Amino acid sequence: MKKLLLLAAVSATLLSGTAFGQAGPQADFKKLDLNGDGNLSINEAQTAVPELTLKMYISADGNNDGRLDPDEFVFAQRAYEQAKAEGRIK
């Protein structure tokens, strides 16, 4: 449960205050994937959201490979949406 909320926080951080979130998770991911390698490095994520911490990034990295793939990003975004709908985050 704690990890789910942390993933929700990651997604909220990535999407809040930005133009992301309007076109869906895959489009959001592509906007953040600056070098087009199909993964998000912490540097790419922090370019969009400077306040993103290493702890938040690592928590979203489900397979522990040091980068976020599209599935991990989508999972984090959906966790955020579910937590928001349930009133666990604002």
Protein backbone atom coordinates (compact mmCIF):
# COMPACT_ATOMS: atom_id res chain seq x y z
CA MET A 1 0.00 0.00 0.00
CA LYS A 2 2.83 2.36 0.91
CA LYS A 3 4.54 1.69 -2.43
CA LEU A 4 1.29 2.30 -4.30
CA LEU A 5 0.92 5.70 -2.65
CA LEU A 6 4.55 6.54 -3.39
CA LEU A 7 3.98 5.58 -7.03
CA ALA A 8 0.92 7.80 -7.00
CA ALA A 9 3.05 10.63 -5.67
CA VAL A 10 5.59 10.06 -8.46
CA SER A 11 2.90 10.28 -11.09
CA ALA A 12 1.31 13.30 -9.48
CA THR A 13 4.68 15.01 -9.38
CA LEU A 14 5.38 14.17 -13.01
CA LEU A 15 2.01 15.36 -14.20
CA SER A 16 1.02 18.24 -11.94
CA GLY A 17 1.80 21.72 -13.09
CA THR A 18 2.75 20.54 -16.55
CA ALA A 19 1.03 20.10 -19.89
CA PHE A 20 1.12 16.34 -19.36
CA GLY A 21 -1.89 14.24 -18.48
CA GLN A 22 -4.18 15.48 -21.23
CA ALA A 23 -3.43 13.03 -24.05
CA GLY A 24 -2.99 9.80 -22.05
CA PRO A 25 -0.08 7.95 -20.46
CA GLN A 26 1.72 6.86 -23.65
CA ALA A 27 1.73 10.38 -25.07
CA ASP A 28 2.89 11.75 -21.71
CA PHE A 29 5.71 9.21 -21.66
CA LYS A 30 6.88 10.12 -25.15
CA LYS A 31 7.00 13.81 -24.21
CA LEU A 32 9.22 13.00 -21.24
CA ASP A 33 11.47 10.55 -23.13
CA LEU A 34 13.77 13.24 -24.47
CA ASN A 35 16.34 10.94 -26.09
CA GLY A 36 13.72 8.57 -27.53
CA ASP A 37 15.25 5.41 -26.10
CA GLY A 38 11.93 4.12 -24.78
CA ASN A 39 12.82 4.64 -21.12
CA LEU A 40 12.89 7.55 -18.70
CA SER A 41 16.15 8.27 -16.97
CA ILE A 42 16.04 10.21 -13.75
CA ASN A 43 17.52 13.16 -15.64
CA GLU A 44 14.69 13.11 -18.18
CA ALA A 45 12.09 12.92 -15.43
CA GLN A 46 13.78 15.70 -13.45
CA THR A 47 13.91 17.91 -16.56
CA ALA A 48 10.12 17.96 -16.48
CA VAL A 49 9.85 17.90 -12.68
CA PRO A 50 12.95 19.20 -10.87
CA GLU A 51 11.50 18.35 -7.43
CA LEU A 52 11.32 14.62 -8.27
CA THR A 53 13.52 12.82 -5.76
CA LEU A 54 15.70 9.78 -6.33
CA LYS A 55 13.59 7.87 -3.78
CA MET A 56 10.41 8.60 -5.73
CA TYR A 57 12.06 7.60 -8.99
CA ILE A 58 13.43 4.34 -7.56
CA SER A 59 10.03 3.49 -6.09
CA ALA A 60 8.43 3.73 -9.53
CA ASP A 61 11.15 1.52 -11.07
CA GLY A 62 9.38 -1.82 -10.57
CA ASN A 63 12.04 -4.00 -12.21
CA ASN A 64 14.94 -2.12 -10.59
CA ASP A 65 16.82 -1.54 -13.84
CA GLY A 66 17.53 2.12 -13.12
CA ARG A 67 15.04 3.55 -15.59
CA LEU A 68 11.31 3.80 -16.06
CA ASP A 69 9.79 1.92 -18.95
CA PRO A 70 6.38 2.77 -20.39
CA ASP A 71 4.61 0.12 -18.29
CA GLU A 72 6.10 1.44 -15.05
CA PHE A 73 5.10 4.97 -16.01
CA VAL A 74 1.55 3.93 -16.91
CA PHE A 75 1.26 1.99 -13.64
CA ALA A 76 2.35 5.05 -11.68
CA GLN A 77 -0.11 7.25 -13.55
CA ARG A 78 -3.00 4.83 -13.01
CA ALA A 79 -2.10 4.50 -9.32
CA TYR A 80 -2.27 8.27 -9.07
CA GLU A 81 -5.65 8.41 -10.79
CA GLN A 82 -7.05 5.66 -8.54
CA ALA A 83 -5.71 7.26 -5.35
CA LYS A 84 -7.16 10.60 -6.42
CA ALA A 85 -10.55 9.06 -7.19
CA GLU A 86 -10.57 7.36 -3.78
CA GLY A 87 -9.72 10.64 -2.06
CA ARG A 88 -6.32 9.47 -0.78
CA ILE A 89 -4.60 12.39 -2.53
CA LYS A 90 -5.83 15.76 -3.72
